[in-house]
PDB file of N, CA and C in Angstrom:
ATOM      1  N   MET A   1     -10.964  -0.850  -4.052  1.00  0.00           N
ATOM      2  CA  MET A   1     -11.654   0.409  -4.155  1.00  0.00           C
ATOM      3  C   MET A   1     -10.928   1.488  -3.341  1.00  0.00           C
ATOM      4  N   LEU A   2     -10.439   1.137  -2.175  1.00  0.00           N
ATOM      5  CA  LEU A   2      -9.777   2.133  -1.328  1.00  0.00           C
ATOM      6  C   LEU A   2      -8.504   2.675  -1.950  1.00  0.00           C
ATOM      7  N   THR A   3      -7.886   1.914  -2.813  1.00  0.00           N
ATOM      8  CA  THR A   3      -6.605   2.334  -3.374  1.00  0.00           C
ATOM      9  C   THR A   3      -6.718   2.893  -4.790  1.00  0.00           C
ATOM     10  N   HIS A   4      -7.906   2.930  -5.358  1.00  0.00           N
ATOM     11  CA  HIS A   4      -8.065   3.415  -6.727  1.00  0.00           C
ATOM     12  C   HIS A   4      -7.862   4.929  -6.776  1.00  0.00           C
ATOM     13  N   PRO A   5      -7.057   5.411  -7.712  1.00  0.00           N
ATOM     14  CA  PRO A   5      -6.742   6.843  -7.775  1.00  0.00           C
ATOM     15  C   PRO A   5      -7.959   7.761  -7.933  1.00  0.00           C
ATOM     16  N   SER A   6      -9.012   7.288  -8.563  1.00  0.00           N
ATOM     17  CA  SER A   6     -10.168   8.157  -8.769  1.00  0.00           C
ATOM     18  C   SER A   6     -10.914   8.457  -7.475  1.00  0.00           C
ATOM     19  N   TYR A   7     -10.658   7.685  -6.426  1.00  0.00           N
ATOM     20  CA  TYR A   7     -11.306   7.925  -5.139  1.00  0.00           C
ATOM     21  C   TYR A   7     -10.403   8.665  -4.159  1.00  0.00           C
ATOM     22  N   ALA A   8      -9.271   9.159  -4.612  1.00  0.00           N
ATOM     23  CA  ALA A   8      -8.309   9.819  -3.720  1.00  0.00           C
ATOM     24  C   ALA A   8      -8.878  11.088  -3.088  1.00  0.00           C
ATOM     25  N   ALA A   9      -9.810  11.736  -3.759  1.00  0.00           N
ATOM     26  CA  ALA A   9     -10.368  12.990  -3.247  1.00  0.00           C
ATOM     27  C   ALA A   9     -11.478  12.768  -2.221  1.00  0.00           C
ATOM     28  N   ALA A  10     -11.880  11.540  -1.998  1.00  0.00           N
ATOM     29  CA  ALA A  10     -12.948  11.274  -1.027  1.00  0.00           C
ATOM     30  C   ALA A  10     -12.469  11.631   0.379  1.00  0.00           C
ATOM     31  N   PRO A  11     -13.341  12.266   1.169  1.00  0.00           N
ATOM     32  CA  PRO A  11     -12.934  12.658   2.522  1.00  0.00           C
ATOM     33  C   PRO A  11     -12.734  11.440   3.421  1.00  0.00           C
ATOM     34  N   PRO A  12     -11.876  11.565   4.425  1.00  0.00           N
ATOM     35  CA  PRO A  12     -11.609  10.432   5.333  1.00  0.00           C
ATOM     36  C   PRO A  12     -12.862   9.887   6.021  1.00  0.00           C
ATOM     37  N   GLU A  13     -13.822  10.776   6.295  1.00  0.00           N
ATOM     38  CA  GLU A  13     -15.060  10.308   6.927  1.00  0.00           C
ATOM     39  C   GLU A  13     -15.794   9.309   6.055  1.00  0.00           C
ATOM     40  N   ARG A  14     -15.715   9.500   4.746  1.00  0.00           N
ATOM     41  CA  ARG A  14     -16.370   8.577   3.820  1.00  0.00           C
ATOM     42  C   ARG A  14     -15.722   7.200   3.899  1.00  0.00           C
ATOM     43  N   TRP A  15     -14.385   7.161   3.998  1.00  0.00           N
ATOM     44  CA  TRP A  15     -13.696   5.872   4.071  1.00  0.00           C
ATOM     45  C   TRP A  15     -13.996   5.153   5.379  1.00  0.00           C
ATOM     46  N   LEU A  16     -14.117   5.918   6.470  1.00  0.00           N
ATOM     47  CA  LEU A  16     -14.503   5.301   7.732  1.00  0.00           C
ATOM     48  C   LEU A  16     -15.883   4.660   7.613  1.00  0.00           C
ATOM     49  N   TRP A  17     -16.787   5.354   6.924  1.00  0.00           N
ATOM     50  CA  TRP A  17     -18.128   4.811   6.702  1.00  0.00           C
ATOM     51  C   TRP A  17     -18.079   3.565   5.834  1.00  0.00           C
ATOM     52  N   VAL A  18     -17.293   3.602   4.752  1.00  0.00           N
ATOM     53  CA  VAL A  18     -17.179   2.443   3.852  1.00  0.00           C
ATOM     54  C   VAL A  18     -16.639   1.233   4.611  1.00  0.00           C
ATOM     55  N   VAL A  19     -15.605   1.427   5.398  1.00  0.00           N
ATOM     56  CA  VAL A  19     -15.003   0.324   6.146  1.00  0.00           C
ATOM     57  C   VAL A  19     -15.988  -0.237   7.169  1.00  0.00           C
ATOM     58  N   ALA A  20     -16.671   0.641   7.893  1.00  0.00           N
ATOM     59  CA  ALA A  20     -17.649   0.185   8.890  1.00  0.00           C
ATOM     60  C   ALA A  20     -18.809  -0.552   8.222  1.00  0.00           C
ATOM     61  N   THR A  21     -19.285  -0.042   7.107  1.00  0.00           N
ATOM     62  CA  THR A  21     -20.391  -0.688   6.398  1.00  0.00           C
ATOM     63  C   THR A  21     -19.978  -2.047   5.866  1.00  0.00           C
ATOM     64  N   TYR A  22     -18.781  -2.128   5.315  1.00  0.00           N
ATOM     65  CA  TYR A  22     -18.287  -3.421   4.808  1.00  0.00           C
ATOM     66  C   TYR A  22     -18.136  -4.431   5.942  1.00  0.00           C
ATOM     67  N   SER A  23     -17.568  -3.999   7.050  1.00  0.00           N
ATOM     68  CA  SER A  23     -17.385  -4.899   8.192  1.00  0.00           C
ATOM     69  C   SER A  23     -18.714  -5.437   8.694  1.00  0.00           C
ATOM     70  N   THR A  24     -19.721  -4.568   8.735  1.00  0.00           N
ATOM     71  CA  THR A  24     -21.042  -4.988   9.158  1.00  0.00           C
ATOM     72  C   THR A  24     -21.668  -5.936   8.145  1.00  0.00           C
ATOM     73  N   ALA A  25     -21.509  -5.637   6.862  1.00  0.00           N
ATOM     74  CA  ALA A  25     -22.113  -6.455   5.809  1.00  0.00           C
ATOM     75  C   ALA A  25     -21.551  -7.873   5.792  1.00  0.00           C
ATOM     76  N   VAL A  26     -20.259  -8.016   6.016  1.00  0.00           N
ATOM     77  CA  VAL A  26     -19.651  -9.353   5.984  1.00  0.00           C
ATOM     78  C   VAL A  26     -19.718 -10.032   7.349  1.00  0.00           C
ATOM     79  N   GLY A  27     -20.120  -9.294   8.374  1.00  0.00           N
ATOM     80  CA  GLY A  27     -20.238  -9.870   9.707  1.00  0.00           C
ATOM     81  C   GLY A  27     -18.910 -10.237  10.344  1.00  0.00           C
ATOM     82  N   ASP A  28     -17.888  -9.453  10.016  1.00  0.00           N
ATOM     83  CA  ASP A  28     -16.542  -9.734  10.523  1.00  0.00           C
ATOM     84  C   ASP A  28     -16.021  -8.490  11.225  1.00  0.00           C
ATOM     85  N   SER A  29     -15.944  -8.555  12.542  1.00  0.00           N
ATOM     86  CA  SER A  29     -15.503  -7.382  13.297  1.00  0.00           C
ATOM     87  C   SER A  29     -14.025  -7.071  13.081  1.00  0.00           C
ATOM     88  N   GLY A  30     -13.227  -8.041  12.656  1.00  0.00           N
ATOM     89  CA  GLY A  30     -11.810  -7.813  12.420  1.00  0.00           C
ATOM     90  C   GLY A  30     -11.492  -7.253  11.046  1.00  0.00           C
ATOM     91  N   ALA A  31     -12.502  -7.166  10.183  1.00  0.00           N
ATOM     92  CA  ALA A  31     -12.270  -6.681   8.818  1.00  0.00           C
ATOM     93  C   ALA A  31     -11.778  -5.244   8.806  1.00  0.00           C
ATOM     94  N   SER A  32     -12.331  -4.407   9.664  1.00  0.00           N
ATOM     95  CA  SER A  32     -11.922  -2.995   9.652  1.00  0.00           C
ATOM     96  C   SER A  32     -10.453  -2.843  10.051  1.00  0.00           C
ATOM     97  N   GLN A  33     -10.007  -3.651  11.000  1.00  0.00           N
ATOM     98  CA  GLN A  33      -8.602  -3.583  11.392  1.00  0.00           C
ATOM     99  C   GLN A  33      -7.699  -4.087  10.267  1.00  0.00           C
ATOM    100  N   ARG A  34      -8.094  -5.157   9.602  1.00  0.00           N
ATOM    101  CA  ARG A  34      -7.282  -5.670   8.486  1.00  0.00           C
ATOM    102  C   ARG A  34      -7.218  -4.669   7.341  1.00  0.00           C
ATOM    103  N   ILE A  35      -8.302  -3.956   7.094  1.00  0.00           N
ATOM    104  CA  ILE A  35      -8.310  -2.954   6.025  1.00  0.00           C
ATOM    105  C   ILE A  35      -7.331  -1.828   6.359  1.00  0.00           C
ATOM    106  N   ARG A  36      -7.327  -1.365   7.602  1.00  0.00           N
ATOM    107  CA  ARG A  36      -6.399  -0.296   7.998  1.00  0.00           C
ATOM    108  C   ARG A  36      -4.945  -0.765   7.891  1.00  0.00           C
ATOM    109  N   VAL A  37      -4.679  -1.999   8.297  1.00  0.00           N
ATOM    110  CA  VAL A  37      -3.325  -2.540   8.189  1.00  0.00           C
ATOM    111  C   VAL A  37      -2.933  -2.688   6.720  1.00  0.00           C
ATOM    112  N   TYR A  38      -3.880  -3.129   5.882  1.00  0.00           N
ATOM    113  CA  TYR A  38      -3.606  -3.281   4.454  1.00  0.00           C
ATOM    114  C   TYR A  38      -3.190  -1.951   3.837  1.00  0.00           C
ATOM    115  N   GLU A  39      -3.860  -0.868   4.234  1.00  0.00           N
ATOM    116  CA  GLU A  39      -3.489   0.456   3.714  1.00  0.00           C
ATOM    117  C   GLU A  39      -2.045   0.797   4.066  1.00  0.00           C
ATOM    118  N   LEU A  40      -1.645   0.519   5.295  1.00  0.00           N
ATOM    119  CA  LEU A  40      -0.266   0.803   5.721  1.00  0.00           C
ATOM    120  C   LEU A  40       0.734  -0.067   4.960  1.00  0.00           C
ATOM    121  N   VAL A  41       0.409  -1.343   4.808  1.00  0.00           N
ATOM    122  CA  VAL A  41       1.296  -2.257   4.089  1.00  0.00           C
ATOM    123  C   VAL A  41       1.435  -1.798   2.640  1.00  0.00           C
ATOM    124  N   LEU A  42       0.342  -1.355   2.048  1.00  0.00           N
ATOM    125  CA  LEU A  42       0.381  -0.877   0.672  1.00  0.00           C
ATOM    126  C   LEU A  42       1.298   0.342   0.542  1.00  0.00           C
ATOM    127  N   CYS A  43       1.273   1.223   1.524  1.00  0.00           N
ATOM    128  CA  CYS A  43       2.161   2.394   1.505  1.00  0.00           C
ATOM    129  C   CYS A  43       3.622   1.973   1.601  1.00  0.00           C
ATOM    130  N   VAL A  44       3.914   1.025   2.473  1.00  0.00           N
ATOM    131  CA  VAL A  44       5.300   0.548   2.643  1.00  0.00           C
ATOM    132  C   VAL A  44       5.786  -0.121   1.367  1.00  0.00           C
ATOM    133  N   VAL A  45       4.970  -0.994   0.793  1.00  0.00           N
ATOM    134  CA  VAL A  45       5.363  -1.702  -0.433  1.00  0.00           C
ATOM    135  C   VAL A  45       5.529  -0.703  -1.578  1.00  0.00           C
ATOM    136  N   GLY A  46       4.629   0.252  -1.683  1.00  0.00           N
ATOM    137  CA  GLY A  46       4.738   1.264  -2.747  1.00  0.00           C
ATOM    138  C   GLY A  46       6.001   2.094  -2.604  1.00  0.00           C
ATOM    139  N   SER A  47       6.338   2.461  -1.371  1.00  0.00           N
ATOM    140  CA  SER A  47       7.551   3.234  -1.130  1.00  0.00           C
ATOM    141  C   SER A  47       8.796   2.418  -1.466  1.00  0.00           C
ATOM    142  N   ALA A  48       8.802   1.155  -1.063  1.00  0.00           N
ATOM    143  CA  ALA A  48       9.951   0.296  -1.356  1.00  0.00           C
ATOM    144  C   ALA A  48      10.112   0.088  -2.855  1.00  0.00           C
ATOM    145  N   LEU A  49       9.000  -0.081  -3.563  1.00  0.00           N
ATOM    146  CA  LEU A  49       9.064  -0.269  -5.009  1.00  0.00           C
ATOM    147  C   LEU A  49       9.588   0.986  -5.696  1.00  0.00           C
ATOM    148  N   ALA A  50       9.090   2.139  -5.276  1.00  0.00           N
ATOM    149  CA  ALA A  50       9.557   3.401  -5.871  1.00  0.00           C
ATOM    150  C   ALA A  50      11.049   3.594  -5.633  1.00  0.00           C
ATOM    151  N   ARG A  51      11.480   3.286  -4.411  1.00  0.00           N
ATOM    152  CA  ARG A  51      12.906   3.411  -4.086  1.00  0.00           C
ATOM    153  C   ARG A  51      13.734   2.458  -4.939  1.00  0.00           C
ATOM    154  N   MET A  52      13.264   1.226  -5.059  1.00  0.00           N
ATOM    155  CA  MET A  52      14.002   0.236  -5.835  1.00  0.00           C
ATOM    156  C   MET A  52      14.088   0.653  -7.306  1.00  0.00           C
ATOM    157  N   LEU A  53      12.970   1.124  -7.859  1.00  0.00           N
ATOM    158  CA  LEU A  53      12.973   1.523  -9.264  1.00  0.00           C
ATOM    159  C   LEU A  53      13.868   2.730  -9.520  1.00  0.00           C
ATOM    160  N   TYR A  54      14.097   3.546  -8.487  1.00  0.00           N
ATOM    161  CA  TYR A  54      14.982   4.690  -8.636  1.00  0.00           C
ATOM    162  C   TYR A  54      16.444   4.303  -8.430  1.00  0.00           C
ATOM    163  N   GLU A  55      16.732   3.547  -7.367  1.00  0.00           N
ATOM    164  CA  GLU A  55      18.115   3.299  -6.993  1.00  0.00           C
ATOM    165  C   GLU A  55      18.797   2.183  -7.777  1.00  0.00           C
ATOM    166  N   VAL A  56      18.130   1.096  -8.023  1.00  0.00           N
ATOM    167  CA  VAL A  56      18.778  -0.071  -8.638  1.00  0.00           C
ATOM    168  C   VAL A  56      19.329   0.244 -10.032  1.00  0.00           C
ATOM    169  N   PRO A  57      18.568   0.875 -10.927  1.00  0.00           N
ATOM    170  CA  PRO A  57      19.145   1.161 -12.252  1.00  0.00           C
ATOM    171  C   PRO A  57      20.339   2.122 -12.208  1.00  0.00           C
ATOM    172  N   ARG A  58      20.415   2.929 -11.174  1.00  0.00           N
ATOM    173  CA  ARG A  58      21.501   3.897 -11.052  1.00  0.00           C
ATOM    174  C   ARG A  58      22.688   3.348 -10.266  1.00  0.00           C
ATOM    175  N   GLY A  59      22.576   2.124  -9.777  1.00  0.00           N
ATOM    176  CA  GLY A  59      23.651   1.514  -9.017  1.00  0.00           C
ATOM    177  C   GLY A  59      23.820   2.098  -7.628  1.00  0.00           C
ATOM    178  N   LEU A  60      22.755   2.645  -7.070  1.00  0.00           N
ATOM    179  CA  LEU A  60      22.827   3.315  -5.776  1.00  0.00           C
ATOM    180  C   LEU A  60      22.442   2.418  -4.608  1.00  0.00           C
ATOM    181  N   ASP A  61      22.061   1.188  -4.869  1.00  0.00           N
ATOM    182  CA  ASP A  61      21.623   0.285  -3.798  1.00  0.00           C
ATOM    183  C   ASP A  61      22.815  -0.535  -3.322  1.00  0.00           C
ATOM    184  N   PRO A  62      23.379  -0.210  -2.156  1.00  0.00           N
ATOM    185  CA  PRO A  62      24.576  -0.911  -1.682  1.00  0.00           C
ATOM    186  C   PRO A  62      24.305  -2.341  -1.207  1.00  0.00           C
ATOM    187  N   ARG A  63      23.053  -2.738  -1.065  1.00  0.00           N
ATOM    188  CA  ARG A  63      22.752  -4.085  -0.587  1.00  0.00           C
ATOM    189  C   ARG A  63      22.958  -5.138  -1.666  1.00  0.00           C
ATOM    190  N   LEU A  64      22.964  -4.731  -2.905  1.00  0.00           N
ATOM    191  CA  LEU A  64      23.082  -5.684  -3.988  1.00  0.00           C
ATOM    192  C   LEU A  64      24.557  -6.022  -4.250  1.00  0.00           C
ATOM    193  N   VAL A  65      24.820  -7.262  -4.550  1.00  0.00           N
ATOM    194  CA  VAL A  65      26.192  -7.638  -4.920  1.00  0.00           C
ATOM    195  C   VAL A  65      26.469  -7.167  -6.325  1.00  0.00           C
ATOM    196  N   GLU A  66      27.752  -6.991  -6.611  1.00  0.00           N
ATOM    197  CA  GLU A  66      28.105  -6.541  -7.959  1.00  0.00           C
ATOM    198  C   GLU A  66      27.828  -7.636  -8.969  1.00  0.00           C
ATOM    199  N   ARG A  67      27.459  -7.235 -10.121  1.00  0.00           N
ATOM    200  CA  ARG A  67      27.192  -8.191 -11.197  1.00  0.00           C
ATOM    201  C   ARG A  67      28.500  -8.627 -11.818  1.00  0.00           C
ATOM    202  N   GLY A  68      28.531  -9.891 -12.151  1.00  0.00           N
ATOM    203  CA  GLY A  68      29.704 -10.409 -12.834  1.00  0.00           C
ATOM    204  C   GLY A  68      29.708 -10.006 -14.300  1.00  0.00           C
ATOM    205  N   PRO A  69      30.814 -10.258 -14.980  1.00  0.00           N
ATOM    206  CA  PRO A  69      30.861  -9.916 -16.412  1.00  0.00           C
ATOM    207  C   PRO A  69      29.851 -10.747 -17.197  1.00  0.00           C
ATOM    208  N   SER A  70      29.211 -10.096 -18.121  1.00  0.00           N
ATOM    209  CA  SER A  70      28.174 -10.786 -18.917  1.00  0.00           C
ATOM    210  C   SER A  70      28.782 -11.649 -20.000  1.00  0.00           C
TER     211      SER A  70
END
């Protein structure tokens, strides 16, 4: 739910409330911290994927070895 595009316009205060309510409902005090970390990880993975989809087809990624003849 936190990552769905239709909820992007929700104010940050609403997300703090959602996270706190969920943590209370499941009875897990560490849930709110895991949710915040998950958001950061999702941003990193999304950025890496976007970069890969841009650079690899154009041959701009120097980390990859050259392909042999097909």
